[in-house]
Amino acid sequence: QIRRLEDEVVAQHDILDPARPVDPDPLLSVADEHRDLLASLDQIDARRRRVVAERRKDVEAAERERLSKPRAERDTMRDAREKRDRAWRLKAEHFQKEKQWALGVCGELEELNAGLEAQNEDLRQRKSAGDADRQFLISQLSAVQRDN
């Protein structure tokens, strides 16, 4: 674009006065502006490269972070699962101990119940024997009273 403008300036001088030599002064200012423009373009290009490099670093860091998140999430989930499993194992052990205790108490109660049933049966037999004796004594007493 700069070269096109330089060519247009030279063409304008040739059109206006073809015999007159081109004055180098107008071209010097264009050349200075051209150098300034090229320097600015170099600065812009350097800034662009720096920004691109920074963005690339940011993208790579974001990618590393994205890749590390599933690992961290997996580790967190594994830790939570292990914690939950430990809690269930502790509960299972506790319930197993409680079951053993309940079975022991149940055995003791069955023995006690068997003893009480035997004692109850003995007492029923004694009562029925006592009732039979009472009936016999009542009949004897009524027979004696009739005899008297």
Protein backbone atom coordinates (compact mmCIF):
# COMPACT_ATOMS: atom_id res chain seq x y z
CA GLN A 1 0.00 0.00 0.00
CA ILE A 2 2.90 2.33 0.81
CA ARG A 3 4.57 1.50 -2.47
CA ARG A 4 1.34 2.27 -4.31
CA LEU A 5 1.18 5.69 -2.60
CA GLU A 6 4.82 6.39 -3.54
CA ASP A 7 4.06 5.46 -7.14
CA GLU A 8 1.03 7.76 -7.15
CA VAL A 9 3.11 10.66 -5.80
CA VAL A 10 5.73 10.13 -8.52
CA ALA A 11 2.99 9.82 -11.16
CA GLN A 12 1.40 13.10 -9.97
CA HIS A 13 4.74 14.88 -10.32
CA ASP A 14 5.18 13.42 -13.79
CA ILE A 15 1.67 14.51 -14.82
CA LEU A 16 2.03 18.04 -13.48
CA ASP A 17 5.47 18.75 -14.87
CA PRO A 18 7.16 15.95 -16.71
CA ALA A 19 10.25 18.06 -17.42
CA ARG A 20 10.76 19.02 -13.85
CA PRO A 21 12.77 16.46 -11.84
CA VAL A 22 11.06 14.87 -8.91
CA ASP A 23 11.81 16.79 -5.76
CA PRO A 24 13.27 14.32 -3.27
CA ASP A 25 11.87 16.24 -0.30
CA PRO A 26 8.22 15.03 -0.63
CA LEU A 27 9.47 11.50 -1.01
CA LEU A 28 11.69 11.86 2.04
CA SER A 29 8.68 12.62 4.24
CA VAL A 30 6.82 9.68 2.69
CA ALA A 31 9.91 7.52 3.24
CA ASP A 32 10.08 8.66 6.88
CA GLU A 33 6.41 7.87 7.35
CA HIS A 34 7.00 4.57 5.60
CA ARG A 35 9.84 3.71 8.01
CA ASP A 36 7.66 4.76 10.96
CA LEU A 37 4.83 2.63 9.64
CA LEU A 38 7.15 -0.36 9.16
CA ALA A 39 8.52 0.13 12.68
CA SER A 40 4.96 0.30 14.01
CA LEU A 41 4.09 -2.84 12.08
CA ASP A 42 7.14 -4.57 13.56
CA GLN A 43 6.06 -3.47 17.04
CA ILE A 44 2.52 -4.68 16.39
CA ASP A 45 3.84 -7.97 15.07
CA ALA A 46 6.09 -8.39 18.14
CA ARG A 47 3.14 -7.61 20.42
CA ARG A 48 0.97 -10.04 18.47
CA ARG A 49 3.58 -12.79 18.83
CA ARG A 50 3.88 -12.05 22.56
CA VAL A 51 0.07 -12.13 22.97
CA VAL A 52 -0.13 -15.34 20.94
CA ALA A 53 2.59 -16.90 23.12
CA GLU A 54 0.78 -15.81 26.29
CA ARG A 55 -2.53 -17.15 24.96
CA ARG A 56 -0.82 -20.41 24.03
CA LYS A 57 0.57 -20.65 27.58
CA ASP A 58 -2.90 -19.90 28.97
CA VAL A 59 -4.48 -22.53 26.72
CA GLU A 60 -1.84 -25.10 27.70
CA ALA A 61 -2.32 -24.29 31.40
CA ALA A 62 -6.09 -24.56 30.99
CA GLU A 63 -5.66 -27.89 29.20
CA ARG A 64 -3.40 -29.19 31.98
CA GLU A 65 -5.97 -28.01 34.54
CA ARG A 66 -8.77 -29.65 32.56
CA LEU A 67 -6.82 -32.90 32.40
CA SER A 68 -5.95 -32.80 36.09
CA LYS A 69 -9.54 -32.14 37.20
CA PRO A 70 -10.83 -35.60 36.25
CA ARG A 71 -7.86 -37.13 38.08
CA ALA A 72 -8.59 -35.04 41.17
CA GLU A 73 -12.30 -35.77 40.86
CA ARG A 74 -11.56 -39.49 40.46
CA ASP A 75 -9.30 -39.39 43.53
CA THR A 76 -11.97 -37.54 45.50
CA MET A 77 -14.62 -40.05 44.44
CA ARG A 78 -12.33 -42.97 45.29
CA ASP A 79 -11.59 -41.49 48.73
CA ALA A 80 -15.31 -40.93 49.35
CA ARG A 81 -16.08 -44.50 48.23
CA GLU A 82 -13.35 -45.90 50.49
CA LYS A 83 -14.62 -43.84 53.41
CA ARG A 84 -18.18 -45.06 52.78
CA ASP A 85 -16.91 -48.67 52.50
CA ARG A 86 -15.02 -48.34 55.79
CA ALA A 87 -18.17 -47.00 57.45
CA TRP A 88 -20.20 -49.94 56.11
CA ARG A 89 -17.57 -52.43 57.26
CA LEU A 90 -17.60 -50.89 60.74
CA LYS A 91 -21.40 -51.06 60.81
CA ALA A 92 -21.32 -54.67 59.63
CA GLU A 93 -18.79 -55.57 62.34
CA HIS A 94 -20.89 -53.76 64.93
CA PHE A 95 -24.05 -55.58 63.79
CA GLN A 96 -22.18 -58.91 63.78
CA LYS A 97 -21.08 -58.32 67.39
CA GLU A 98 -24.62 -57.26 68.31
CA LYS A 99 -25.96 -60.41 66.62
CA GLN A 100 -23.53 -62.59 68.58
CA TRP A 101 -24.58 -60.87 71.80
CA ALA A 102 -28.28 -61.30 70.93
CA LEU A 103 -27.70 -64.99 70.15
CA GLY A 104 -25.96 -65.41 73.51
CA VAL A 105 -28.81 -63.68 75.34
CA CYS A 106 -31.31 -65.77 73.34
CA GLY A 107 -29.53 -68.98 74.39
CA GLU A 108 -29.56 -67.90 78.03
CA LEU A 109 -33.25 -67.00 77.80
CA GLU A 110 -34.06 -70.38 76.20
CA GLU A 111 -32.23 -72.17 79.01
CA LEU A 112 -34.03 -70.05 81.59
CA ASN A 113 -37.36 -70.63 79.84
CA ALA A 114 -36.76 -74.41 79.75
CA GLY A 115 -35.95 -74.32 83.48
CA LEU A 116 -39.05 -72.25 84.20
CA GLU A 117 -41.22 -74.56 82.09
CA ALA A 118 -39.89 -77.56 84.02
CA GLN A 119 -40.52 -75.73 87.30
CA ASN A 120 -43.99 -74.72 86.08
CA GLU A 121 -44.80 -78.32 85.12
CA ASP A 122 -43.60 -79.48 88.54
CA LEU A 123 -45.77 -76.88 90.24
CA ARG A 124 -48.79 -77.90 88.12
CA GLN A 125 -48.26 -81.52 89.07
CA ARG A 126 -47.98 -80.55 92.75
CA LYS A 127 -51.14 -78.43 92.46
CA SER A 128 -53.08 -81.20 90.77
CA ALA A 129 -51.79 -83.61 93.44
CA GLY A 130 -52.82 -81.08 96.10
CA ASP A 131 -56.27 -80.72 94.47
CA ALA A 132 -56.66 -84.49 94.39
CA ASP A 133 -55.62 -84.71 98.06
CA ARG A 134 -58.04 -81.92 98.92
CA GLN A 135 -60.89 -83.65 97.11
CA PHE A 136 -60.01 -86.88 98.87
CA LEU A 137 -59.88 -85.13 102.24
CA ILE A 138 -63.20 -83.37 101.56
CA SER A 139 -64.81 -86.67 100.64
CA GLN A 140 -63.33 -88.30 103.77
CA LEU A 141 -64.53 -85.40 105.91
CA SER A 142 -68.03 -85.54 104.46
CA ALA A 143 -68.08 -89.34 105.00
CA VAL A 144 -67.02 -88.89 108.62
CA GLN A 145 -69.67 -86.23 109.12
CA ARG A 146 -72.35 -88.51 107.71
CA ASP A 147 -71.19 -91.26 110.00
CA ASN A 148 -71.48 -88.96 112.96
